[in-house]
Every structure is written in C-alpha cells, then in structure tokens.
Amino acid sequence: MAQLAGIYILAQNVHGLVVDMHAAHERIVYERLKSALDRQQIPMQPLLIPVSFAAEALDIATAEEEHAAMAQLGFDIAPLSPTTLAVRAMPAMLKQTHAEAAARDVLHEMREYGVVRLGFK
C-alpha cells in the first residue's frame, strides 16, 4: 500500500501489518531460491576474486562434507587451510549479497537442518 520513511512497506491484511523492507527483500530472494531449487536450476555465479574468511573447524568440516549439496544450492565454498574457507561461487540471484555472510548462513543452515530437510539425499 505504501512505503514509510524509506524503511518499511505498509501492507494490509486482516490484522494490519508493517513489514521491514529488508525482511521483505529476504523473503523474495528466499522464494526465488526455493523455486529455482524445486526446478533444480540455480545458476552459479563464479566470483572474480574468491572471498576468504576465518572459519571454525565445524564450518570447515561442513563445507567439506556438504560440498555437493551446497553446489546444488549454487555455492562453491572450499577450505583453503585448517582455519580458512573461500567462497568461489554463489547463486547468481544473490550477487548483491555479501559473500562471507551468505556462506556463513548456508553453512549454519546445513548444520542446523541438514541436507535432508533442504531436499537432498
């Protein structure tokens, strides 16, 4: 219905609702990813310069164990050392997203929910 203060989207339902624009954008991206995953067509965008970051042993292990599942999600995250991961590619539709944050989120989700809940294996 309207945008308020450049921060909120005002939408109406039975109870009335004010939605944070950031949350609305995340939901749109999530729905697009979910749809692409259902079609098994998530285009991967290689990064010109891989993004490396310090990671815990659990993240390193998850990246190694779930590499194939993450590739289906459009991510190429690989260990560089026992304490460092590199994001080499990510889903094309997330190209505006910070690579390290996206990598940490997907690794967390893999650990938290596993690949079975995401529709793999």
Protein backbone atom coordinates (compact mmCIF):
# COMPACT_ATOMS: atom_id res chain seq x y z
CA MET A 1 0.00 0.00 0.00
CA ALA A 2 2.79 2.45 0.90
CA GLN A 3 6.40 2.90 1.89
CA LEU A 4 7.09 4.66 5.18
CA ALA A 5 10.30 6.57 5.98
CA GLY A 6 12.17 4.63 3.30
CA ILE A 7 12.39 1.70 5.74
CA TYR A 8 9.01 -0.01 5.91
CA ILE A 9 6.48 -1.38 3.49
CA LEU A 10 2.93 -0.94 4.68
CA ALA A 11 0.66 -3.78 3.64
CA GLN A 12 -2.84 -4.59 4.77
CA ASN A 13 -4.30 -7.87 5.97
CA VAL A 14 -6.98 -8.80 8.49
CA HIS A 15 -4.85 -7.59 11.41
CA GLY A 16 -2.93 -4.83 9.64
CA LEU A 17 0.80 -5.24 9.09
CA VAL A 18 4.03 -3.27 8.83
CA VAL A 19 6.87 -5.23 7.20
CA ASP A 20 10.55 -4.30 7.32
CA MET A 21 11.84 -3.78 3.74
CA HIS A 22 14.95 -5.84 4.47
CA ALA A 23 12.84 -8.75 5.68
CA ALA A 24 10.57 -8.41 2.65
CA HIS A 25 13.59 -8.48 0.32
CA GLU A 26 15.00 -11.54 2.10
CA ARG A 27 11.65 -13.30 1.69
CA ILE A 28 11.55 -12.52 -2.04
CA VAL A 29 15.10 -13.87 -2.51
CA TYR A 30 14.21 -16.94 -0.42
CA GLU A 31 11.13 -17.66 -2.54
CA ARG A 32 13.16 -17.28 -5.76
CA LEU A 33 15.84 -19.64 -4.45
CA LYS A 34 13.22 -22.14 -3.31
CA SER A 35 11.55 -22.05 -6.72
CA ALA A 36 14.87 -22.46 -8.53
CA LEU A 37 15.79 -25.34 -6.21
CA ASP A 38 12.47 -27.06 -6.96
CA ARG A 39 13.33 -26.81 -10.66
CA GLN A 40 16.96 -27.79 -9.88
CA GLN A 41 18.09 -24.73 -11.82
CA ILE A 42 20.09 -22.49 -9.51
CA PRO A 43 22.61 -20.66 -11.68
CA MET A 44 26.01 -20.36 -10.03
CA GLN A 45 27.99 -17.12 -10.37
CA PRO A 46 31.77 -17.62 -10.06
CA LEU A 47 33.42 -14.80 -8.15
CA LEU A 48 36.19 -12.94 -9.98
CA ILE A 49 38.14 -12.84 -6.73
CA PRO A 50 37.26 -15.56 -4.19
CA VAL A 51 36.32 -14.27 -0.76
CA SER A 52 38.26 -15.91 2.06
CA PHE A 53 37.43 -15.74 5.74
CA ALA A 54 38.44 -17.26 9.08
CA ALA A 55 36.25 -20.20 9.98
CA GLU A 56 35.78 -22.60 12.86
CA ALA A 57 36.60 -26.29 12.49
CA LEU A 58 32.86 -27.08 12.38
CA ASP A 59 32.37 -24.78 9.38
CA ILE A 60 35.38 -26.33 7.61
CA ALA A 61 34.01 -29.83 8.19
CA THR A 62 30.53 -28.83 6.99
CA ALA A 63 31.97 -27.25 3.83
CA GLU A 64 33.88 -30.46 3.06
CA GLU A 65 31.07 -32.90 3.91
CA GLU A 66 28.24 -31.00 2.22
CA HIS A 67 30.12 -29.65 -0.81
CA ALA A 68 27.84 -31.44 -3.33
CA ALA A 69 24.65 -30.24 -1.62
CA MET A 70 25.93 -26.68 -1.45
CA ALA A 71 26.82 -26.85 -5.16
CA GLN A 72 23.18 -27.73 -5.85
CA LEU A 73 22.28 -24.56 -3.94
CA GLY A 74 24.68 -22.58 -6.12
CA PHE A 75 27.58 -22.26 -3.66
CA ASP A 76 31.22 -23.25 -4.07
CA ILE A 77 32.76 -22.97 -0.61
CA ALA A 78 36.04 -24.77 -0.02
CA PRO A 79 38.74 -24.93 2.65
CA LEU A 80 41.96 -23.02 1.98
CA SER A 81 43.58 -24.08 5.26
CA PRO A 82 42.51 -25.67 8.55
CA THR A 83 41.19 -22.26 9.66
CA THR A 84 40.15 -20.56 6.40
CA LEU A 85 37.33 -21.01 3.90
CA ALA A 86 36.94 -19.46 0.45
CA VAL A 87 33.74 -18.63 -1.38
CA ARG A 88 34.50 -19.22 -5.07
CA ALA A 89 30.93 -19.01 -6.38
CA MET A 90 27.45 -18.28 -5.12
CA PRO A 91 23.92 -18.27 -6.55
CA ALA A 92 23.64 -15.67 -9.31
CA MET A 93 20.50 -14.21 -7.74
CA LEU A 94 22.50 -13.42 -4.60
CA LYS A 95 25.16 -11.44 -6.45
CA GLN A 96 24.34 -8.32 -4.41
CA THR A 97 24.80 -10.25 -1.15
CA HIS A 98 27.97 -10.18 0.93
CA ALA A 99 29.70 -13.50 0.11
CA GLU A 100 31.06 -14.18 3.59
CA ALA A 101 27.70 -13.58 5.27
CA ALA A 102 25.90 -15.78 2.73
CA ALA A 103 28.48 -18.55 3.19
CA ARG A 104 28.20 -18.43 6.97
CA ASP A 105 24.40 -18.54 6.71
CA VAL A 106 24.33 -21.54 4.36
CA LEU A 107 26.88 -23.42 6.47
CA HIS A 108 24.82 -22.72 9.60
CA GLU A 109 21.63 -23.92 7.89
CA MET A 110 23.35 -27.10 6.70
CA ARG A 111 24.47 -27.86 10.25
CA GLU A 112 21.17 -26.87 11.84
CA TYR A 113 18.75 -28.59 9.46
CA GLY A 114 20.87 -30.92 7.36
CA VAL A 115 20.57 -31.66 3.70
CA VAL A 116 17.55 -33.93 4.09
CA ARG A 117 15.28 -31.05 5.07
CA LEU A 118 16.61 -29.00 2.16
CA GLY A 119 15.51 -31.72 -0.25
CA PHE A 120 18.77 -33.59 -0.82
CA LYS A 121 19.90 -37.20 -0.30
